[in-house]
Amino acid sequence: MGTFHIPEDFYYTKDHEWAQVDENIVTVGVTEFAQDQLGEIVYVDLPEEGQKVTQNQAFGVVESVKAVSDLFAPVSGTVIEVNSALLDDPASLNDDPNNDGWLVRIEMDSEKELANLMRAPDYKKLISEK
């Protein structure tokens, strides 16, 4: 198993999404571990701006040469921005999952939901058990 970059300031889901919180705006992506497991990503299906998402519910799909995986929302809220560059070039998710490969930005309904997410040490523990 490689060493994965797991930013300390992100939150994580058990489904391998990361969430970077800036006040009430949450940028969402998939972790380096997840894209490594998926292999080469060929297609990404993301919600429209203005769509509501619910914590732990699927909001999109990422398809790789190996598998199709649902993307799960780390928080509930409204999608305010979609990374349209990914739709044109899904492989950029493999190249830079923690930065350029972000998926959506969500205006979250309640910061209380962040308590349901993992922090970096717990996420590292989760993937080291895989």
N, C-alpha and C. Protein backbone atom coordinates (compact mmCIF):
# COMPACT_ATOMS: atom_id res chain seq x y z
N MET A 1 0.84 -1.20 0.00
CA MET A 1 0.00 0.00 0.00
C MET A 1 0.88 1.25 0.00
N GLY A 2 0.56 2.17 -0.89
CA GLY A 2 1.34 3.41 -0.96
C GLY A 2 1.04 4.31 0.23
N THR A 3 1.78 5.40 0.30
CA THR A 3 1.50 6.39 1.32
C THR A 3 0.62 7.44 0.69
N PHE A 4 -0.49 7.72 1.32
CA PHE A 4 -1.44 8.65 0.75
C PHE A 4 -1.38 9.97 1.50
N HIS A 5 -1.55 11.04 0.74
CA HIS A 5 -1.58 12.37 1.35
C HIS A 5 -2.99 12.59 1.90
N ILE A 6 -3.07 12.78 3.21
CA ILE A 6 -4.36 12.96 3.88
C ILE A 6 -4.31 14.29 4.63
N PRO A 7 -4.77 15.36 3.98
CA PRO A 7 -4.67 16.67 4.63
C PRO A 7 -5.33 16.69 6.01
N GLU A 8 -4.60 17.24 6.97
CA GLU A 8 -5.05 17.26 8.37
C GLU A 8 -6.29 18.12 8.56
N ASP A 9 -6.44 19.16 7.72
CA ASP A 9 -7.55 20.09 7.96
C ASP A 9 -8.84 19.66 7.27
N PHE A 10 -8.83 18.54 6.56
CA PHE A 10 -10.04 18.04 5.91
C PHE A 10 -10.83 17.16 6.88
N TYR A 11 -12.10 17.02 6.58
CA TYR A 11 -12.94 16.00 7.21
C TYR A 11 -13.07 14.85 6.20
N TYR A 12 -13.42 13.65 6.70
CA TYR A 12 -13.50 12.47 5.83
C TYR A 12 -14.75 11.66 6.13
N THR A 13 -15.25 10.98 5.09
CA THR A 13 -16.36 10.05 5.28
C THR A 13 -15.80 8.62 5.22
N LYS A 14 -16.58 7.70 5.74
CA LYS A 14 -16.17 6.28 5.67
C LYS A 14 -16.18 5.79 4.22
N ASP A 15 -16.84 6.55 3.34
CA ASP A 15 -16.91 6.20 1.92
C ASP A 15 -15.80 6.86 1.10
N HIS A 16 -14.83 7.49 1.80
CA HIS A 16 -13.61 8.03 1.16
C HIS A 16 -13.84 9.33 0.38
N GLU A 17 -14.81 10.13 0.85
CA GLU A 17 -14.87 11.50 0.37
C GLU A 17 -14.16 12.38 1.38
N TRP A 18 -13.57 13.47 0.89
CA TRP A 18 -13.04 14.47 1.81
C TRP A 18 -13.90 15.72 1.74
N ALA A 19 -13.87 16.49 2.82
CA ALA A 19 -14.64 17.73 2.91
C ALA A 19 -13.74 18.80 3.50
N GLN A 20 -13.56 19.87 2.75
CA GLN A 20 -12.78 21.00 3.25
C GLN A 20 -13.77 22.11 3.57
N VAL A 21 -13.74 22.56 4.81
CA VAL A 21 -14.76 23.48 5.30
C VAL A 21 -14.19 24.89 5.37
N ASP A 22 -14.90 25.83 4.75
CA ASP A 22 -14.55 27.24 4.83
C ASP A 22 -15.83 27.98 5.21
N GLU A 23 -15.97 28.27 6.51
CA GLU A 23 -17.21 28.81 7.06
C GLU A 23 -18.34 27.83 6.73
N ASN A 24 -19.34 28.26 5.93
CA ASN A 24 -20.44 27.32 5.66
C ASN A 24 -20.35 26.69 4.27
N ILE A 25 -19.21 26.88 3.60
CA ILE A 25 -19.01 26.28 2.27
C ILE A 25 -18.09 25.06 2.41
N VAL A 26 -18.55 23.95 1.89
CA VAL A 26 -17.80 22.70 1.98
C VAL A 26 -17.42 22.24 0.58
N THR A 27 -16.12 22.16 0.32
CA THR A 27 -15.63 21.61 -0.94
C THR A 27 -15.47 20.10 -0.74
N VAL A 28 -15.94 19.33 -1.70
CA VAL A 28 -15.98 17.87 -1.57
C VAL A 28 -15.15 17.23 -2.68
N GLY A 29 -14.41 16.19 -2.31
CA GLY A 29 -13.68 15.43 -3.30
C GLY A 29 -13.56 13.98 -2.85
N VAL A 30 -12.85 13.19 -3.64
CA VAL A 30 -12.55 11.82 -3.21
C VAL A 30 -11.08 11.78 -2.81
N THR A 31 -10.78 10.91 -1.87
CA THR A 31 -9.43 10.85 -1.32
C THR A 31 -8.46 10.18 -2.29
N GLU A 32 -7.19 10.42 -2.05
CA GLU A 32 -6.15 9.76 -2.84
C GLU A 32 -6.30 8.25 -2.76
N PHE A 33 -6.62 7.77 -1.57
CA PHE A 33 -6.82 6.33 -1.38
C PHE A 33 -7.93 5.83 -2.30
N ALA A 34 -9.04 6.57 -2.35
CA ALA A 34 -10.19 6.14 -3.16
C ALA A 34 -9.83 6.10 -4.64
N GLN A 35 -9.16 7.16 -5.14
CA GLN A 35 -8.86 7.16 -6.57
C GLN A 35 -7.84 6.09 -6.91
N ASP A 36 -6.96 5.78 -5.95
CA ASP A 36 -5.98 4.71 -6.15
C ASP A 36 -6.68 3.35 -6.25
N GLN A 37 -7.68 3.14 -5.40
CA GLN A 37 -8.45 1.89 -5.42
C GLN A 37 -9.27 1.78 -6.72
N LEU A 38 -9.80 2.90 -7.17
CA LEU A 38 -10.66 2.89 -8.35
C LEU A 38 -9.87 2.63 -9.62
N GLY A 39 -8.65 3.14 -9.67
CA GLY A 39 -7.89 3.07 -10.91
C GLY A 39 -8.27 4.23 -11.81
N GLU A 40 -8.01 4.07 -13.10
CA GLU A 40 -8.18 5.18 -14.03
C GLU A 40 -9.65 5.58 -14.16
N ILE A 41 -9.92 6.84 -13.84
CA ILE A 41 -11.30 7.33 -13.85
C ILE A 41 -11.67 7.81 -15.25
N VAL A 42 -12.81 7.32 -15.74
CA VAL A 42 -13.20 7.59 -17.12
C VAL A 42 -14.46 8.45 -17.22
N TYR A 43 -15.22 8.56 -16.15
CA TYR A 43 -16.48 9.30 -16.21
C TYR A 43 -16.88 9.75 -14.82
N VAL A 44 -17.39 10.98 -14.75
CA VAL A 44 -17.89 11.51 -13.48
C VAL A 44 -19.27 12.11 -13.74
N ASP A 45 -20.23 11.75 -12.90
CA ASP A 45 -21.57 12.31 -13.00
C ASP A 45 -21.83 13.13 -11.75
N LEU A 46 -22.04 14.43 -11.92
CA LEU A 46 -22.18 15.33 -10.78
C LEU A 46 -23.55 16.01 -10.82
N PRO A 47 -24.02 16.48 -9.65
CA PRO A 47 -25.33 17.16 -9.63
C PRO A 47 -25.25 18.54 -10.29
N GLU A 48 -26.40 19.12 -10.51
CA GLU A 48 -26.48 20.49 -11.04
C GLU A 48 -26.31 21.48 -9.89
N GLU A 49 -25.87 22.68 -10.21
CA GLU A 49 -25.87 23.75 -9.21
C GLU A 49 -27.31 23.99 -8.77
N GLY A 50 -27.48 24.23 -7.48
CA GLY A 50 -28.82 24.47 -6.93
C GLY A 50 -29.48 23.22 -6.40
N GLN A 51 -28.89 22.05 -6.71
CA GLN A 51 -29.47 20.79 -6.22
C GLN A 51 -29.21 20.63 -4.74
N LYS A 52 -30.19 20.09 -4.03
CA LYS A 52 -30.03 19.79 -2.60
C LYS A 52 -29.39 18.41 -2.45
N VAL A 53 -28.52 18.30 -1.46
CA VAL A 53 -27.94 17.00 -1.15
C VAL A 53 -28.13 16.74 0.34
N THR A 54 -28.11 15.47 0.70
CA THR A 54 -28.34 15.06 2.09
C THR A 54 -27.14 14.27 2.58
N GLN A 55 -26.72 14.56 3.79
CA GLN A 55 -25.56 13.86 4.35
C GLN A 55 -25.73 12.35 4.23
N ASN A 56 -24.66 11.69 3.78
CA ASN A 56 -24.59 10.23 3.63
C ASN A 56 -25.43 9.68 2.47
N GLN A 57 -26.06 10.56 1.70
CA GLN A 57 -26.84 10.10 0.53
C GLN A 57 -26.00 10.30 -0.73
N ALA A 58 -26.22 9.45 -1.71
CA ALA A 58 -25.48 9.55 -2.97
C ALA A 58 -25.86 10.84 -3.70
N PHE A 59 -24.87 11.51 -4.26
CA PHE A 59 -25.15 12.73 -5.03
C PHE A 59 -24.53 12.67 -6.43
N GLY A 60 -23.80 11.62 -6.73
CA GLY A 60 -23.17 11.51 -8.03
C GLY A 60 -22.51 10.15 -8.16
N VAL A 61 -21.82 9.99 -9.29
CA VAL A 61 -21.19 8.70 -9.59
C VAL A 61 -19.81 8.96 -10.18
N VAL A 62 -18.87 8.13 -9.81
CA VAL A 62 -17.57 8.14 -10.47
C VAL A 62 -17.34 6.74 -11.04
N GLU A 63 -16.93 6.72 -12.30
CA GLU A 63 -16.77 5.45 -13.00
C GLU A 63 -15.31 5.31 -13.40
N SER A 64 -14.75 4.16 -13.09
CA SER A 64 -13.37 3.91 -13.49
C SER A 64 -13.34 2.68 -14.39
N VAL A 65 -12.15 2.35 -14.85
CA VAL A 65 -12.03 1.14 -15.67
C VAL A 65 -12.39 -0.10 -14.86
N LYS A 66 -12.32 0.00 -13.53
CA LYS A 66 -12.59 -1.16 -12.68
C LYS A 66 -14.01 -1.21 -12.13
N ALA A 67 -14.60 -0.05 -11.82
CA ALA A 67 -15.83 -0.06 -11.03
C ALA A 67 -16.62 1.23 -11.21
N VAL A 68 -17.89 1.15 -10.83
CA VAL A 68 -18.73 2.34 -10.74
C VAL A 68 -19.02 2.54 -9.26
N SER A 69 -18.76 3.74 -8.76
CA SER A 69 -18.95 4.01 -7.34
C SER A 69 -19.83 5.24 -7.14
N ASP A 70 -20.75 5.13 -6.20
CA ASP A 70 -21.53 6.31 -5.82
C ASP A 70 -20.65 7.26 -5.04
N LEU A 71 -20.98 8.53 -5.16
CA LEU A 71 -20.35 9.57 -4.34
C LEU A 71 -21.35 9.97 -3.27
N PHE A 72 -20.90 10.06 -2.04
CA PHE A 72 -21.81 10.36 -0.93
C PHE A 72 -21.52 11.74 -0.36
N ALA A 73 -22.59 12.46 -0.05
CA ALA A 73 -22.44 13.83 0.46
C ALA A 73 -21.96 13.79 1.90
N PRO A 74 -20.87 14.51 2.22
CA PRO A 74 -20.41 14.56 3.60
C PRO A 74 -21.31 15.41 4.49
N VAL A 75 -22.04 16.34 3.88
CA VAL A 75 -22.96 17.20 4.64
C VAL A 75 -24.21 17.42 3.80
N SER A 76 -25.27 17.87 4.47
CA SER A 76 -26.49 18.27 3.77
C SER A 76 -26.40 19.73 3.39
N GLY A 77 -27.02 20.06 2.25
CA GLY A 77 -27.02 21.46 1.84
C GLY A 77 -27.36 21.60 0.37
N THR A 78 -26.91 22.71 -0.20
CA THR A 78 -27.21 23.05 -1.59
C THR A 78 -25.90 23.12 -2.37
N VAL A 79 -25.88 22.46 -3.52
CA VAL A 79 -24.70 22.52 -4.39
C VAL A 79 -24.62 23.93 -4.99
N ILE A 80 -23.52 24.64 -4.73
CA ILE A 80 -23.40 26.00 -5.27
C ILE A 80 -22.38 26.07 -6.40
N GLU A 81 -21.56 25.04 -6.54
CA GLU A 81 -20.58 25.03 -7.62
C GLU A 81 -20.23 23.60 -7.96
N VAL A 82 -20.03 23.34 -9.24
CA VAL A 82 -19.67 22.01 -9.74
C VAL A 82 -18.37 22.16 -10.52
N ASN A 83 -17.46 21.23 -10.33
CA ASN A 83 -16.18 21.28 -11.05
C ASN A 83 -16.39 20.76 -12.47
N SER A 84 -16.80 21.66 -13.36
CA SER A 84 -17.13 21.24 -14.73
C SER A 84 -15.91 20.72 -15.48
N ALA A 85 -14.71 21.13 -15.06
CA ALA A 85 -13.49 20.64 -15.72
C ALA A 85 -13.40 19.12 -15.63
N LEU A 86 -13.92 18.55 -14.54
CA LEU A 86 -13.89 17.09 -14.36
C LEU A 86 -14.76 16.37 -15.38
N LEU A 87 -15.84 17.04 -15.79
CA LEU A 87 -16.74 16.41 -16.75
C LEU A 87 -16.03 16.24 -18.09
N ASP A 88 -15.18 17.23 -18.42
CA ASP A 88 -14.42 17.16 -19.67
C ASP A 88 -13.19 16.26 -19.55
N ASP A 89 -12.61 16.24 -18.36
CA ASP A 89 -11.35 15.52 -18.15
C ASP A 89 -11.39 14.75 -16.83
N PRO A 90 -12.16 13.66 -16.79
CA PRO A 90 -12.33 12.92 -15.53
C PRO A 90 -11.00 12.44 -14.94
N ALA A 91 -9.99 12.22 -15.79
CA ALA A 91 -8.71 11.69 -15.30
C ALA A 91 -8.00 12.68 -14.39
N SER A 92 -8.38 13.97 -14.44
CA SER A 92 -7.74 14.94 -13.53
C SER A 92 -8.04 14.59 -12.07
N LEU A 93 -9.07 13.79 -11.86
CA LEU A 93 -9.36 13.32 -10.51
C LEU A 93 -8.26 12.37 -10.02
N ASN A 94 -7.67 11.61 -10.94
CA ASN A 94 -6.55 10.75 -10.57
C ASN A 94 -5.29 11.57 -10.29
N ASP A 95 -5.10 12.62 -11.09
CA ASP A 95 -3.85 13.38 -11.00
C ASP A 95 -3.75 14.18 -9.70
N ASP A 96 -4.85 14.77 -9.27
CA ASP A 96 -4.78 15.69 -8.14
C ASP A 96 -6.09 15.66 -7.36
N PRO A 97 -6.39 14.53 -6.70
CA PRO A 97 -7.71 14.38 -6.07
C PRO A 97 -7.96 15.39 -4.93
N ASN A 98 -6.89 15.87 -4.29
CA ASN A 98 -7.09 16.76 -3.14
C ASN A 98 -7.24 18.23 -3.52
N ASN A 99 -6.95 18.58 -4.77
CA ASN A 99 -7.01 19.99 -5.16
C ASN A 99 -7.85 20.17 -6.43
N ASP A 100 -7.20 20.05 -7.60
CA ASP A 100 -7.90 20.28 -8.86
C ASP A 100 -9.04 19.28 -9.08
N GLY A 101 -8.94 18.13 -8.45
CA GLY A 101 -9.94 17.08 -8.65
C GLY A 101 -11.16 17.19 -7.74
N TRP A 102 -11.36 18.36 -7.11
CA TRP A 102 -12.57 18.50 -6.28
C TRP A 102 -13.82 18.28 -7.14
N LEU A 103 -14.92 17.93 -6.49
CA LEU A 103 -16.15 17.58 -7.21
C LEU A 103 -17.18 18.69 -7.19
N VAL A 104 -17.61 19.04 -5.98
CA VAL A 104 -18.66 20.06 -5.82
C VAL A 104 -18.36 20.91 -4.59
N ARG A 105 -18.99 22.08 -4.55
CA ARG A 105 -19.00 22.89 -3.33
C ARG A 105 -20.45 22.97 -2.85
N ILE A 106 -20.61 22.73 -1.56
CA ILE A 106 -21.95 22.67 -0.96
C ILE A 106 -22.04 23.76 0.10
N GLU A 107 -23.14 24.51 0.06
CA GLU A 107 -23.45 25.42 1.17
C GLU A 107 -24.18 24.57 2.20
N MET A 108 -23.51 24.32 3.33
CA MET A 108 -24.08 23.34 4.26
C MET A 108 -25.19 23.95 5.12
N ASP A 109 -26.14 23.10 5.45
CA ASP A 109 -27.29 23.53 6.25
C ASP A 109 -26.94 23.65 7.73
N SER A 110 -26.10 22.73 8.23
CA SER A 110 -25.83 22.73 9.66
C SER A 110 -24.41 22.24 9.94
N GLU A 111 -23.65 23.07 10.63
CA GLU A 111 -22.28 22.68 11.00
C GLU A 111 -22.28 21.49 11.95
N LYS A 112 -23.39 21.24 12.61
CA LYS A 112 -23.47 20.11 13.56
C LYS A 112 -23.16 18.80 12.86
N GLU A 113 -23.47 18.73 11.57
CA GLU A 113 -23.24 17.47 10.83
C GLU A 113 -21.75 17.13 10.74
N LEU A 114 -20.89 18.12 10.87
CA LEU A 114 -19.45 17.84 10.78
C LEU A 114 -19.02 16.85 11.86
N ALA A 115 -19.75 16.82 12.96
CA ALA A 115 -19.42 15.90 14.05
C ALA A 115 -19.57 14.44 13.63
N ASN A 116 -20.32 14.20 12.55
CA ASN A 116 -20.51 12.82 12.06
C ASN A 116 -19.36 12.36 11.17
N LEU A 117 -18.45 13.26 10.84
CA LEU A 117 -17.36 12.93 9.93
C LEU A 117 -16.09 12.59 10.69
N MET A 118 -15.16 11.95 10.01
CA MET A 118 -13.87 11.60 10.60
C MET A 118 -12.87 12.72 10.39
N ARG A 119 -11.92 12.81 11.29
CA ARG A 119 -10.76 13.67 11.08
C ARG A 119 -9.62 12.79 10.54
N ALA A 120 -8.53 13.42 10.11
CA ALA A 120 -7.44 12.72 9.43
C ALA A 120 -6.92 11.48 10.20
N PRO A 121 -6.66 11.57 11.52
CA PRO A 121 -6.11 10.38 12.20
C PRO A 121 -7.04 9.17 12.11
N ASP A 122 -8.35 9.41 12.23
CA ASP A 122 -9.31 8.30 12.17
C ASP A 122 -9.39 7.75 10.75
N TYR A 123 -9.31 8.65 9.77
CA TYR A 123 -9.37 8.19 8.38
C TYR A 123 -8.12 7.37 8.04
N LYS A 124 -6.97 7.82 8.53
CA LYS A 124 -5.72 7.05 8.31
C LYS A 124 -5.85 5.65 8.88
N LYS A 125 -6.46 5.58 10.06
CA LYS A 125 -6.67 4.28 10.72
C LYS A 125 -7.59 3.41 9.86
N LEU A 126 -8.65 4.00 9.34
CA LEU A 126 -9.61 3.27 8.51
C LEU A 126 -8.93 2.65 7.29
N ILE A 127 -8.12 3.45 6.58
CA ILE A 127 -7.53 2.91 5.35
C ILE A 127 -6.35 1.99 5.63
N SER A 128 -5.74 2.13 6.79
CA SER A 128 -4.62 1.22 7.10
C SER A 128 -5.13 -0.17 7.41
N GLU A 129 -6.44 -0.28 7.72
CA GLU A 129 -7.03 -1.59 8.02
C GLU A 129 -7.47 -2.30 6.74
N LYS A 130 -7.43 -1.61 5.60
CA LYS A 130 -7.91 -2.21 4.34
C LYS A 130 -6.93 -3.27 3.86
